[in-house]
Amino acid sequence: MIDSYIAYLRDVRRYSPRTQAIYADALERFRSFVADAPQDDSNCHSDVNCHSERSEESIIGHLIPSRIREYEAHLIASGYKPRTVHLNLSALSGFCNWLVKAGKLTSNPVRGVKRPKMEKRLPEYYRESSMEQYLTETAHVAGEEELTLLESLNPEEPLFTELYRRRLRRLIVSILYGTGIRRAELLSLTRSSVDFSRATLRVVGKGDKMREIPLIPSLTQEISLYLKAASMTEASTGPHDPLLVTEKGSPLYPEYVDRAVKQELDGYGITGRKSPHVLRHSLATALLQEGADLNAIKEMLGHANLAATEVYTHNSVARLKQQYLNAHPRAKKPGKND
């Protein structure tokens, strides 16, 4: 049953593989919790077929508010943070909605369960000055001079591998920071995703929604030079083949991208968590601070609604407050009221 639901998320809802895995893990966690618990037939709804045998169907008998509250308490007692508890209950709620549509439940029991309070987290982001320092100091990696050196080498040579990997890692960061796309969207890019004549990037986002993102000239050139380097590998060059490949011509994978971002952003005054998503937050924050329209940022990031984009305004207010406190004469040198 859980497998059928995950297949529904994949084939109908078009959820990303990562989201599918998160939901599958959450549902398996609930099933493990109820696996050894005795089935209480008195708690079953009239339309629920309770089973005494240990099967996937028996999970339905536990989908009642009291059992879900016990499960929530179990997660909290096990040390899960409120945000993780929310995620697990959300996955369970989606599963229950699916069962309601299938006629196996009359209502969603998760809706009646109060969830733990969560602290509001502002998106992390890197300072523009730090990113500018990184991009400036590594510009030679993406330039023509190093490409010429790369072309003079045999792809089997260790130096070729080193130079190619450096160029690829730099491009990964450049695209993530230059376009604000998600990691999964980066991995799904093909050669035909880049329209050099119009300087745009076609991205397929959540729910298979396609959007176009403008490319700044420096990023367009960097992609073009990278493709010349990629042509020296064993990668296929068809329009539907992956845009980014390893030195062996293989498609990238999530861990490769995560590792590349961590390696590239080590230093340059960049502190905190180093991840593709923080680069996305960094671009959104920078655009907003430079006066970009909130709706334009929403379209660029591929957000379904404006509320998801508005969270970046909090970062701007926080920064404004800090600048105010640093610059205001009365804040720096408190004294008597005039």
C-alpha atoms as a PDB file:
ATOM      1  CA  MET A   1       0.000   0.000   0.000  1.00  0.00           C
ATOM      2  CA  ILE A   2       2.792   2.408   0.868  1.00  0.00           C
ATOM      3  CA  ASP A   3       4.546   1.439  -2.356  1.00  0.00           C
ATOM      4  CA  SER A   4       1.362   2.242  -4.293  1.00  0.00           C
ATOM      5  CA  TYR A   5       1.164   5.650  -2.647  1.00  0.00           C
ATOM      6  CA  ILE A   6       4.798   6.452  -3.448  1.00  0.00           C
ATOM      7  CA  ALA A   7       4.128   5.383  -7.051  1.00  0.00           C
ATOM      8  CA  TYR A   8       1.202   7.832  -7.056  1.00  0.00           C
ATOM      9  CA  LEU A   9       3.507  10.611  -5.840  1.00  0.00           C
ATOM     10  CA  ARG A  10       5.966   9.739  -8.588  1.00  0.00           C
ATOM     11  CA  ASP A  11       3.626   9.208 -11.538  1.00  0.00           C
ATOM     12  CA  VAL A  12       0.691  11.517 -10.779  1.00  0.00           C
ATOM     13  CA  ARG A  13       1.970  14.224  -8.449  1.00  0.00           C
ATOM     14  CA  ARG A  14       5.416  14.260 -10.107  1.00  0.00           C
ATOM     15  CA  TYR A  15       7.264  14.629  -6.820  1.00  0.00           C
ATOM     16  CA  SER A  16      11.048  14.620  -6.978  1.00  0.00           C
ATOM     17  CA  PRO A  17      12.939  11.405  -6.087  1.00  0.00           C
ATOM     18  CA  ARG A  18      14.190  13.095  -2.912  1.00  0.00           C
ATOM     19  CA  THR A  19      10.658  13.979  -1.787  1.00  0.00           C
ATOM     20  CA  GLN A  20       9.491  10.456  -2.610  1.00  0.00           C
ATOM     21  CA  ALA A  21      12.273   9.048  -0.434  1.00  0.00           C
ATOM     22  CA  ILE A  22      11.407  11.401   2.455  1.00  0.00           C
ATOM     23  CA  TYR A  23       7.731  10.389   2.341  1.00  0.00           C
ATOM     24  CA  ALA A  24       8.583   6.694   2.068  1.00  0.00           C
ATOM     25  CA  ASP A  25      10.913   6.905   5.083  1.00  0.00           C
ATOM     26  CA  ALA A  26       8.275   8.749   7.132  1.00  0.00           C
ATOM     27  CA  LEU A  27       5.576   6.181   6.358  1.00  0.00           C
ATOM     28  CA  GLU A  28       7.909   3.271   7.078  1.00  0.00           C
ATOM     29  CA  ARG A  29       8.700   4.928  10.414  1.00  0.00           C
ATOM     30  CA  PHE A  30       4.999   5.000  11.290  1.00  0.00           C
ATOM     31  CA  ARG A  31       4.546   1.408  10.196  1.00  0.00           C
ATOM     32  CA  SER A  32       7.468   0.343  12.394  1.00  0.00           C
ATOM     33  CA  PHE A  33       5.897   2.179  15.314  1.00  0.00           C
ATOM     34  CA  VAL A  34       2.575   0.322  15.003  1.00  0.00           C
ATOM     35  CA  ALA A  35       4.038  -3.027  13.893  1.00  0.00           C
ATOM     36  CA  ASP A  36       4.280  -4.563  17.379  1.00  0.00           C
ATOM     37  CA  ALA A  37       1.266  -2.796  18.836  1.00  0.00           C
ATOM     38  CA  PRO A  38      -1.852  -4.941  19.438  1.00  0.00           C
ATOM     39  CA  GLN A  39      -4.713  -4.150  17.082  1.00  0.00           C
ATOM     40  CA  ASP A  40      -7.653  -2.607  18.938  1.00  0.00           C
ATOM     41  CA  ASP A  41     -10.771  -3.422  16.943  1.00  0.00           C
ATOM     42  CA  SER A  42     -12.877  -1.146  19.132  1.00  0.00           C
ATOM     43  CA  ASN A  43     -11.015   1.861  17.762  1.00  0.00           C
ATOM     44  CA  CYS A  44     -11.687   1.033  14.129  1.00  0.00           C
ATOM     45  CA  HIS A  45     -14.084   3.140  12.118  1.00  0.00           C
ATOM     46  CA  SER A  46     -17.106   1.382  10.662  1.00  0.00           C
ATOM     47  CA  ASP A  47     -15.692   1.604   7.149  1.00  0.00           C
ATOM     48  CA  VAL A  48     -12.241   0.350   8.101  1.00  0.00           C
ATOM     49  CA  ASN A  49     -11.392  -3.307   7.607  1.00  0.00           C
ATOM     50  CA  CYS A  50      -9.200  -4.167  10.617  1.00  0.00           C
ATOM     51  CA  HIS A  51      -6.792  -7.040  10.211  1.00  0.00           C
ATOM     52  CA  SER A  52      -5.154  -9.092  12.906  1.00  0.00           C
ATOM     53  CA  GLU A  53      -2.424 -10.299  10.562  1.00  0.00           C
ATOM     54  CA  ARG A  54       0.728  -8.218  10.131  1.00  0.00           C
ATOM     55  CA  SER A  55       0.293  -6.803   6.651  1.00  0.00           C
ATOM     56  CA  GLU A  56       0.375  -3.457   4.915  1.00  0.00           C
ATOM     57  CA  GLU A  57      -3.413  -3.294   5.168  1.00  0.00           C
ATOM     58  CA  SER A  58      -3.241  -3.500   8.966  1.00  0.00           C
ATOM     59  CA  ILE A  59      -1.750   0.004   9.087  1.00  0.00           C
ATOM     60  CA  ILE A  60      -5.193   1.424   8.323  1.00  0.00           C
ATOM     61  CA  GLY A  61      -6.502   0.245  11.676  1.00  0.00           C
ATOM     62  CA  HIS A  62      -3.989   2.504  13.400  1.00  0.00           C
ATOM     63  CA  LEU A  63      -4.929   5.604  11.425  1.00  0.00           C
ATOM     64  CA  ILE A  64      -7.019   7.150  14.185  1.00  0.00           C
ATOM     65  CA  PRO A  65      -6.346  10.412  16.083  1.00  0.00           C
ATOM     66  CA  SER A  66      -5.419   8.734  19.388  1.00  0.00           C
ATOM     67  CA  ARG A  67      -2.829   6.486  17.762  1.00  0.00           C
ATOM     68  CA  ILE A  68      -1.364   9.367  15.749  1.00  0.00           C
ATOM     69  CA  ARG A  69      -1.071  11.465  18.912  1.00  0.00           C
ATOM     70  CA  GLU A  70       0.830   8.568  20.495  1.00  0.00           C
ATOM     71  CA  TYR A  71       3.069   8.469  17.457  1.00  0.00           C
ATOM     72  CA  GLU A  72       3.717  12.204  17.674  1.00  0.00           C
ATOM     73  CA  ALA A  73       4.658  11.842  21.359  1.00  0.00           C
ATOM     74  CA  HIS A  74       6.934   8.950  20.427  1.00  0.00           C
ATOM     75  CA  LEU A  75       8.763  11.079  17.854  1.00  0.00           C
ATOM     76  CA  ILE A  76       9.241  13.933  20.312  1.00  0.00           C
ATOM     77  CA  ALA A  77      10.454  11.551  23.036  1.00  0.00           C
ATOM     78  CA  SER A  78      12.883  10.028  20.512  1.00  0.00           C
ATOM     79  CA  GLY A  79      14.551  13.420  20.094  1.00  0.00           C
ATOM     80  CA  TYR A  80      13.093  14.502  16.761  1.00  0.00           C
ATOM     81  CA  LYS A  81      12.947  18.257  16.291  1.00  0.00           C
ATOM     82  CA  PRO A  82       9.533  19.944  15.839  1.00  0.00           C
ATOM     83  CA  ARG A  83      10.227  20.567  12.152  1.00  0.00           C
ATOM     84  CA  THR A  84      10.954  16.864  11.591  1.00  0.00           C
ATOM     85  CA  VAL A  85       7.844  15.877  13.524  1.00  0.00           C
ATOM     86  CA  HIS A  86       5.846  18.194  11.258  1.00  0.00           C
ATOM     87  CA  LEU A  87       7.374  16.581   8.186  1.00  0.00           C
ATOM     88  CA  ASN A  88       6.477  13.076   9.394  1.00  0.00           C
ATOM     89  CA  LEU A  89       2.905  14.093  10.178  1.00  0.00           C
ATOM     90  CA  SER A  90       2.590  15.862   6.825  1.00  0.00           C
ATOM     91  CA  ALA A  91       3.672  12.700   5.027  1.00  0.00           C
ATOM     92  CA  LEU A  92       1.153  10.712   7.047  1.00  0.00           C
ATOM     93  CA  SER A  93      -1.555  13.283   6.301  1.00  0.00           C
ATOM     94  CA  GLY A  94      -0.900  13.049   2.567  1.00  0.00           C
ATOM     95  CA  PHE A  95      -1.120   9.278   2.796  1.00  0.00           C
ATOM     96  CA  CYS A  96      -4.458   9.548   4.628  1.00  0.00           C
ATOM     97  CA  ASN A  97      -5.847  11.939   2.005  1.00  0.00           C
ATOM     98  CA  TRP A  98      -4.940   9.366  -0.622  1.00  0.00           C
ATOM     99  CA  LEU A  99      -6.729   6.643   1.366  1.00  0.00           C
ATOM    100  CA  VAL A 100      -9.814   8.854   1.662  1.00  0.00           C
ATOM    101  CA  LYS A 101      -9.908   9.252  -2.117  1.00  0.00           C
ATOM    102  CA  ALA A 102      -9.510   5.487  -2.436  1.00  0.00           C
ATOM    103  CA  GLY A 103     -12.519   4.967  -0.144  1.00  0.00           C
ATOM    104  CA  LYS A 104     -10.526   3.251   2.608  1.00  0.00           C
ATOM    105  CA  LEU A 105     -10.950   6.056   5.138  1.00  0.00           C
ATOM    106  CA  THR A 106     -13.888   8.405   5.626  1.00  0.00           C
ATOM    107  CA  SER A 107     -11.739  11.315   6.823  1.00  0.00           C
ATOM    108  CA  ASN A 108      -8.155  12.327   7.465  1.00  0.00           C
ATOM    109  CA  PRO A 109      -7.383  11.630  11.155  1.00  0.00           C
ATOM    110  CA  VAL A 110      -4.154  13.659  11.105  1.00  0.00           C
ATOM    111  CA  ARG A 111      -6.071  16.914  10.727  1.00  0.00           C
ATOM    112  CA  GLY A 112      -7.372  16.626  14.281  1.00  0.00           C
ATOM    113  CA  VAL A 113      -3.915  16.250  15.799  1.00  0.00           C
ATOM    114  CA  LYS A 114      -2.256  19.378  17.184  1.00  0.00           C
ATOM    115  CA  ARG A 115       1.330  19.709  16.047  1.00  0.00           C
ATOM    116  CA  PRO A 116       4.300  21.017  18.048  1.00  0.00           C
ATOM    117  CA  LYS A 117       5.255  24.660  17.728  1.00  0.00           C
ATOM    118  CA  MET A 118       8.083  25.429  15.347  1.00  0.00           C
ATOM    119  CA  GLU A 119      10.482  28.333  15.473  1.00  0.00           C
ATOM    120  CA  LYS A 120      10.346  30.404  12.327  1.00  0.00           C
ATOM    121  CA  ARG A 121      13.632  30.036  10.505  1.00  0.00           C
ATOM    122  CA  LEU A 122      14.901  32.724   8.181  1.00  0.00           C
ATOM    123  CA  PRO A 123      16.602  31.395   5.047  1.00  0.00           C
ATOM    124  CA  GLU A 124      20.373  31.221   5.336  1.00  0.00           C
ATOM    125  CA  TYR A 125      22.321  33.139   2.721  1.00  0.00           C
ATOM    126  CA  TYR A 126      25.869  34.128   1.840  1.00  0.00           C
ATOM    127  CA  ARG A 127      26.977  37.744   1.700  1.00  0.00           C
ATOM    128  CA  GLU A 128      27.253  39.216  -1.778  1.00  0.00           C
ATOM    129  CA  SER A 129      30.814  40.283  -1.024  1.00  0.00           C
ATOM    130  CA  SER A 130      31.809  36.709  -0.170  1.00  0.00           C
ATOM    131  CA  MET A 131      30.275  35.289  -3.334  1.00  0.00           C
ATOM    132  CA  GLU A 132      31.860  38.038  -5.422  1.00  0.00           C
ATOM    133  CA  GLN A 133      35.234  37.212  -3.877  1.00  0.00           C
ATOM    134  CA  TYR A 134      34.793  33.521  -4.716  1.00  0.00           C
ATOM    135  CA  LEU A 135      33.694  34.177  -8.303  1.00  0.00           C
ATOM    136  CA  THR A 136      36.521  36.678  -8.888  1.00  0.00           C
ATOM    137  CA  GLU A 137      39.299  34.553  -7.425  1.00  0.00           C
ATOM    138  CA  THR A 138      38.221  31.417  -9.310  1.00  0.00           C
ATOM    139  CA  ALA A 139      37.479  33.141 -12.635  1.00  0.00           C
ATOM    140  CA  HIS A 140      40.659  31.724 -14.216  1.00  0.00           C
ATOM    141  CA  VAL A 141      39.328  28.193 -13.651  1.00  0.00           C
ATOM    142  CA  ALA A 142      36.465  28.882 -16.067  1.00  0.00           C
ATOM    143  CA  GLY A 143      38.535  30.908 -18.551  1.00  0.00           C
ATOM    144  CA  GLU A 144      39.890  30.229 -22.026  1.00  0.00           C
ATOM    145  CA  GLU A 145      43.538  29.983 -20.967  1.00  0.00           C
ATOM    146  CA  GLU A 146      42.920  26.984 -18.727  1.00  0.00           C
ATOM    147  CA  LEU A 147      40.676  25.473 -21.405  1.00  0.00           C
ATOM    148  CA  THR A 148      43.599  25.653 -23.854  1.00  0.00           C
ATOM    149  CA  LEU A 149      45.725  23.767 -21.335  1.00  0.00           C
ATOM    150  CA  LEU A 150      42.964  21.214 -20.908  1.00  0.00           C
ATOM    151  CA  GLU A 151      42.751  20.664 -24.672  1.00  0.00           C
ATOM    152  CA  SER A 152      46.492  19.916 -24.803  1.00  0.00           C
ATOM    153  CA  LEU A 153      46.155  17.032 -22.355  1.00  0.00           C
ATOM    154  CA  ASN A 154      45.151  13.416 -22.756  1.00  0.00           C
ATOM    155  CA  PRO A 155      41.844  12.755 -20.955  1.00  0.00           C
ATOM    156  CA  GLU A 156      43.552   9.868 -19.187  1.00  0.00           C
ATOM    157  CA  GLU A 157      46.107  12.138 -17.537  1.00  0.00           C
ATOM    158  CA  PRO A 158      45.600  13.034 -13.849  1.00  0.00           C
ATOM    159  CA  LEU A 159      46.063  16.743 -14.639  1.00  0.00           C
ATOM    160  CA  PHE A 160      43.192  16.598 -17.121  1.00  0.00           C
ATOM    161  CA  THR A 161      40.963  15.090 -14.438  1.00  0.00           C
ATOM    162  CA  GLU A 162      41.990  17.729 -11.921  1.00  0.00           C
ATOM    163  CA  LEU A 163      41.434  20.673 -14.272  1.00  0.00           C
ATOM    164  CA  TYR A 164      38.137  19.311 -15.575  1.00  0.00           C
ATOM    165  CA  ARG A 165      36.782  18.714 -12.087  1.00  0.00           C
ATOM    166  CA  ARG A 166      37.746  22.228 -11.012  1.00  0.00           C
ATOM    167  CA  ARG A 167      35.908  23.693 -14.003  1.00  0.00           C
ATOM    168  CA  LEU A 168      32.866  21.535 -13.378  1.00  0.00           C
ATOM    169  CA  ARG A 169      32.685  22.368  -9.671  1.00  0.00           C
ATOM    170  CA  ARG A 170      32.986  26.070 -10.426  1.00  0.00           C
ATOM    171  CA  LEU A 171      30.191  25.842 -13.032  1.00  0.00           C
ATOM    172  CA  ILE A 172      27.931  24.008 -10.586  1.00  0.00           C
ATOM    173  CA  VAL A 173      28.249  26.908  -8.144  1.00  0.00           C
ATOM    174  CA  SER A 174      27.944  29.501 -10.930  1.00  0.00           C
ATOM    175  CA  ILE A 175      24.690  28.032 -12.236  1.00  0.00           C
ATOM    176  CA  LEU A 176      23.155  27.545  -8.785  1.00  0.00           C
ATOM    177  CA  TYR A 177      24.021  31.078  -7.687  1.00  0.00           C
ATOM    178  CA  GLY A 178      23.420  32.659 -11.083  1.00  0.00           C
ATOM    179  CA  THR A 179      19.950  31.185 -11.643  1.00  0.00           C
ATOM    180  CA  GLY A 180      18.662  30.142  -8.211  1.00  0.00           C
ATOM    181  CA  ILE A 181      17.557  26.730  -9.453  1.00  0.00           C
ATOM    182  CA  ARG A 182      17.166  23.738  -7.158  1.00  0.00           C
ATOM    183  CA  ARG A 183      19.642  20.862  -7.017  1.00  0.00           C
ATOM    184  CA  ALA A 184      17.189  18.470  -8.683  1.00  0.00           C
ATOM    185  CA  GLU A 185      16.597  21.020 -11.443  1.00  0.00           C
ATOM    186  CA  LEU A 186      20.337  21.354 -11.987  1.00  0.00           C
ATOM    187  CA  LEU A 187      20.675  17.588 -12.375  1.00  0.00           C
ATOM    188  CA  SER A 188      17.820  17.495 -14.886  1.00  0.00           C
ATOM    189  CA  LEU A 189      19.387  20.066 -17.224  1.00  0.00           C
ATOM    190  CA  THR A 190      20.157  18.858 -20.719  1.00  0.00           C
ATOM    191  CA  ARG A 191      22.192  20.427 -23.488  1.00  0.00           C
ATOM    192  CA  SER A 192      19.007  21.719 -25.062  1.00  0.00           C
ATOM    193  CA  SER A 193      18.126  23.490 -21.797  1.00  0.00           C
ATOM    194  CA  VAL A 194      20.532  26.287 -22.717  1.00  0.00           C
ATOM    195  CA  ASP A 195      19.388  28.667 -25.450  1.00  0.00           C
ATOM    196  CA  PHE A 196      22.572  30.553 -26.322  1.00  0.00           C
ATOM    197  CA  SER A 197      20.864  32.736 -28.924  1.00  0.00           C
ATOM    198  CA  ARG A 198      18.384  34.089 -26.373  1.00  0.00           C
ATOM    199  CA  ALA A 199      20.670  33.720 -23.325  1.00  0.00           C
ATOM    200  CA  THR A 200      18.057  31.777 -21.373  1.00  0.00           C
ATOM    201  CA  LEU A 201      17.919  28.544 -19.405  1.00  0.00           C
ATOM    202  CA  ARG A 202      14.859  26.305 -19.669  1.00  0.00           C
ATOM    203  CA  VAL A 203      14.209  24.573 -16.354  1.00  0.00           C
ATOM    204  CA  VAL A 204      11.692  21.859 -15.536  1.00  0.00           C
ATOM    205  CA  GLY A 205      10.624  22.369 -11.930  1.00  0.00           C
ATOM    206  CA  LYS A 206       8.212  20.771  -9.503  1.00  0.00           C
ATOM    207  CA  GLY A 207       5.144  19.267 -11.123  1.00  0.00           C
ATOM    208  CA  ASP A 208       6.951  19.273 -14.480  1.00  0.00           C
ATOM    209  CA  LYS A 209       6.367  23.026 -14.779  1.00  0.00           C
ATOM    210  CA  MET A 210       8.753  24.639 -17.243  1.00  0.00           C
ATOM    211  CA  ARG A 211      10.136  28.125 -16.752  1.00  0.00           C
ATOM    212  CA  GLU A 212      12.792  30.210 -18.470  1.00  0.00           C
ATOM    213  CA  ILE A 213      15.516  31.997 -16.565  1.00  0.00           C
ATOM    214  CA  PRO A 214      17.710  34.697 -18.128  1.00  0.00           C
ATOM    215  CA  LEU A 215      21.453  34.045 -18.162  1.00  0.00           C
ATOM    216  CA  ILE A 216      23.953  36.818 -17.528  1.00  0.00           C
ATOM    217  CA  PRO A 217      26.694  37.057 -20.215  1.00  0.00           C
ATOM    218  CA  SER A 218      29.479  35.727 -17.982  1.00  0.00           C
ATOM    219  CA  LEU A 219      27.486  32.611 -17.113  1.00  0.00           C
ATOM    220  CA  THR A 220      26.523  32.013 -20.746  1.00  0.00           C
ATOM    221  CA  GLN A 221      30.193  32.149 -21.709  1.00  0.00           C
ATOM    222  CA  GLU A 222      31.186  29.857 -18.848  1.00  0.00           C
ATOM    223  CA  ILE A 223      28.671  27.242 -19.952  1.00  0.00           C
ATOM    224  CA  SER A 224      29.894  27.515 -23.547  1.00  0.00           C
ATOM    225  CA  LEU A 225      33.529  27.018 -22.546  1.00  0.00           C
ATOM    226  CA  TYR A 226      32.576  24.123 -20.282  1.00  0.00           C
ATOM    227  CA  LEU A 227      30.830  22.320 -23.154  1.00  0.00           C
ATOM    228  CA  LYS A 228      34.088  22.476 -25.109  1.00  0.00           C
ATOM    229  CA  ALA A 229      35.807  20.792 -22.181  1.00  0.00           C
ATOM    230  CA  ALA A 230      33.006  18.220 -21.866  1.00  0.00           C
ATOM    231  CA  SER A 231      33.431  17.333 -25.565  1.00  0.00           C
ATOM    232  CA  MET A 232      36.819  15.854 -24.641  1.00  0.00           C
ATOM    233  CA  THR A 233      35.179  13.304 -22.326  1.00  0.00           C
ATOM    234  CA  GLU A 234      33.143  10.261 -23.259  1.00  0.00           C
ATOM    235  CA  ALA A 235      29.883  12.154 -22.800  1.00  0.00           C
ATOM    236  CA  SER A 236      27.126  11.954 -25.406  1.00  0.00           C
ATOM    237  CA  THR A 237      26.414  15.234 -27.149  1.00  0.00           C
ATOM    238  CA  GLY A 238      22.759  14.876 -28.135  1.00  0.00           C
ATOM    239  CA  PRO A 239      20.314  17.671 -27.244  1.00  0.00           C
ATOM    240  CA  HIS A 240      18.635  15.527 -24.597  1.00  0.00           C
ATOM    241  CA  ASP A 241      21.854  14.343 -22.962  1.00  0.00           C
ATOM    242  CA  PRO A 242      22.859  15.773 -19.550  1.00  0.00           C
ATOM    243  CA  LEU A 243      24.413  19.219 -19.588  1.00  0.00           C
ATOM    244  CA  LEU A 244      26.792  18.468 -16.725  1.00  0.00           C
ATOM    245  CA  VAL A 245      28.870  15.293 -16.691  1.00  0.00           C
ATOM    246  CA  THR A 246      31.889  13.893 -14.884  1.00  0.00           C
ATOM    247  CA  GLU A 247      35.304  13.569 -16.531  1.00  0.00           C
ATOM    248  CA  LYS A 248      34.187  10.063 -17.602  1.00  0.00           C
ATOM    249  CA  GLY A 249      31.082  11.420 -19.280  1.00  0.00           C
ATOM    250  CA  SER A 250      28.671  10.129 -16.629  1.00  0.00           C
ATOM    251  CA  PRO A 251      25.662  12.165 -15.413  1.00  0.00           C
ATOM    252  CA  LEU A 252      26.014  13.916 -12.072  1.00  0.00           C
ATOM    253  CA  TYR A 253      24.150  12.784  -8.946  1.00  0.00           C
ATOM    254  CA  PRO A 254      22.962  14.645  -5.798  1.00  0.00           C
ATOM    255  CA  GLU A 255      25.963  13.777  -3.622  1.00  0.00           C
ATOM    256  CA  TYR A 256      28.355  14.975  -6.312  1.00  0.00           C
ATOM    257  CA  VAL A 257      26.681  18.390  -6.388  1.00  0.00           C
ATOM    258  CA  ASP A 258      26.639  18.668  -2.583  1.00  0.00           C
ATOM    259  CA  ARG A 259      30.319  17.753  -2.383  1.00  0.00           C
ATOM    260  CA  ALA A 260      31.238  20.213  -5.143  1.00  0.00           C
ATOM    261  CA  VAL A 261      29.501  23.109  -3.367  1.00  0.00           C
ATOM    262  CA  LYS A 262      31.202  22.318  -0.056  1.00  0.00           C
ATOM    263  CA  GLN A 263      34.639  22.077  -1.673  1.00  0.00           C
ATOM    264  CA  GLU A 264      34.248  25.253  -3.701  1.00  0.00           C
ATOM    265  CA  LEU A 265      32.893  27.460  -0.923  1.00  0.00           C
ATOM    266  CA  ASP A 266      35.499  26.493   1.632  1.00  0.00           C
ATOM    267  CA  GLY A 267      37.025  29.857   2.492  1.00  0.00           C
ATOM    268  CA  TYR A 268      36.313  33.271   0.927  1.00  0.00           C
ATOM    269  CA  GLY A 269      34.740  34.418   4.173  1.00  0.00           C
ATOM    270  CA  ILE A 270      31.839  32.014   3.638  1.00  0.00           C
ATOM    271  CA  THR A 271      30.688  30.483   6.908  1.00  0.00           C
ATOM    272  CA  GLY A 272      27.799  28.284   7.972  1.00  0.00           C
ATOM    273  CA  ARG A 273      26.131  25.522   6.027  1.00  0.00           C
ATOM    274  CA  LYS A 274      27.375  25.125   2.455  1.00  0.00           C
ATOM    275  CA  SER A 275      24.682  23.691   0.250  1.00  0.00           C
ATOM    276  CA  PRO A 276      22.963  24.194  -3.129  1.00  0.00           C
ATOM    277  CA  HIS A 277      19.834  25.478  -1.397  1.00  0.00           C
ATOM    278  CA  VAL A 278      21.706  28.204   0.461  1.00  0.00           C
ATOM    279  CA  LEU A 279      23.026  29.413  -2.901  1.00  0.00           C
ATOM    280  CA  ARG A 280      19.413  29.628  -4.066  1.00  0.00           C
ATOM    281  CA  HIS A 281      18.512  31.638  -0.952  1.00  0.00           C
ATOM    282  CA  SER A 282      21.558  33.853  -1.521  1.00  0.00           C
ATOM    283  CA  LEU A 283      20.488  34.850  -5.016  1.00  0.00           C
ATOM    284  CA  ALA A 284      16.897  35.523  -3.953  1.00  0.00           C
ATOM    285  CA  THR A 285      18.072  37.677  -1.046  1.00  0.00           C
ATOM    286  CA  ALA A 286      20.546  39.583  -3.234  1.00  0.00           C
ATOM    287  CA  LEU A 287      17.917  40.273  -5.907  1.00  0.00           C
ATOM    288  CA  LEU A 288      15.448  41.541  -3.336  1.00  0.00           C
ATOM    289  CA  GLN A 289      18.043  43.777  -1.699  1.00  0.00           C
ATOM    290  CA  GLU A 290      18.876  45.237  -5.113  1.00  0.00           C
ATOM    291  CA  GLY A 291      15.238  46.164  -5.654  1.00  0.00           C
ATOM    292  CA  ALA A 292      13.985  43.309  -7.847  1.00  0.00           C
ATOM    293  CA  ASP A 293      10.213  42.856  -7.998  1.00  0.00           C
ATOM    294  CA  LEU A 294       8.957  40.134  -5.664  1.00  0.00           C
ATOM    295  CA  ASN A 295       6.758  38.597  -8.368  1.00  0.00           C
ATOM    296  CA  ALA A 296       9.716  38.428 -10.754  1.00  0.00           C
ATOM    297  CA  ILE A 297      11.755  36.602  -8.099  1.00  0.00           C
ATOM    298  CA  LYS A 298       8.822  34.237  -7.559  1.00  0.00           C
ATOM    299  CA  GLU A 299       8.732  33.341 -11.259  1.00  0.00           C
ATOM    300  CA  MET A 300      12.492  32.914 -11.429  1.00  0.00           C
ATOM    301  CA  LEU A 301      12.578  30.573  -8.437  1.00  0.00           C
ATOM    302  CA  GLY A 302       9.558  28.603  -9.611  1.00  0.00           C
ATOM    303  CA  HIS A 303       7.544  29.148  -6.427  1.00  0.00           C
ATOM    304  CA  ALA A 304       3.912  28.095  -6.588  1.00  0.00           C
ATOM    305  CA  ASN A 305       2.735  31.092  -4.573  1.00  0.00           C
ATOM    306  CA  LEU A 306       4.044  34.454  -3.440  1.00  0.00           C
ATOM    307  CA  ALA A 307       4.072  33.466   0.241  1.00  0.00           C
ATOM    308  CA  ALA A 308       7.054  31.187  -0.384  1.00  0.00           C
ATOM    309  CA  THR A 309       8.976  34.124  -1.842  1.00  0.00           C
ATOM    310  CA  GLU A 310       7.985  36.657   0.798  1.00  0.00           C
ATOM    311  CA  VAL A 311      10.147  34.891   3.392  1.00  0.00           C
ATOM    312  CA  TYR A 312      13.159  36.643   1.844  1.00  0.00           C
ATOM    313  CA  THR A 313      11.748  40.030   2.818  1.00  0.00           C
ATOM    314  CA  HIS A 314      12.440  39.126   6.448  1.00  0.00           C
ATOM    315  CA  ASN A 315      16.137  38.819   5.672  1.00  0.00           C
ATOM    316  CA  SER A 316      16.078  42.268   4.110  1.00  0.00           C
ATOM    317  CA  VAL A 317      14.376  43.784   7.145  1.00  0.00           C
ATOM    318  CA  ALA A 318      16.872  42.092   9.461  1.00  0.00           C
ATOM    319  CA  ARG A 319      19.764  43.459   7.433  1.00  0.00           C
ATOM    320  CA  LEU A 320      18.244  46.945   7.346  1.00  0.00           C
ATOM    321  CA  LYS A 321      17.829  46.873  11.111  1.00  0.00           C
ATOM    322  CA  GLN A 322      21.460  45.881  11.612  1.00  0.00           C
ATOM    323  CA  GLN A 323      22.678  48.605   9.262  1.00  0.00           C
ATOM    324  CA  TYR A 324      20.460  51.111  11.082  1.00  0.00           C
ATOM    325  CA  LEU A 325      21.877  50.144  14.457  1.00  0.00           C
ATOM    326  CA  ASN A 326      25.444  50.265  13.134  1.00  0.00           C
ATOM    327  CA  ALA A 327      25.041  53.671  11.481  1.00  0.00           C
ATOM    328  CA  HIS A 328      22.610  55.628  13.638  1.00  0.00           C
ATOM    329  CA  PRO A 329      24.526  58.059  15.890  1.00  0.00           C
ATOM    330  CA  ARG A 330      22.125  57.572  18.786  1.00  0.00           C
ATOM    331  CA  ALA A 331      22.412  53.782  18.461  1.00  0.00           C
ATOM    332  CA  LYS A 332      26.220  53.861  18.414  1.00  0.00           C
ATOM    333  CA  LYS A 333      26.621  56.448  21.184  1.00  0.00           C
ATOM    334  CA  PRO A 334      23.584  56.492  23.427  1.00  0.00           C
ATOM    335  CA  GLY A 335      23.281  59.656  25.489  1.00  0.00           C
ATOM    336  CA  LYS A 336      20.779  62.055  26.892  1.00  0.00           C
ATOM    337  CA  ASN A 337      17.654  62.780  24.975  1.00  0.00           C
ATOM    338  CA  ASP A 338      17.695  66.066  23.080  1.00  0.00           C
END
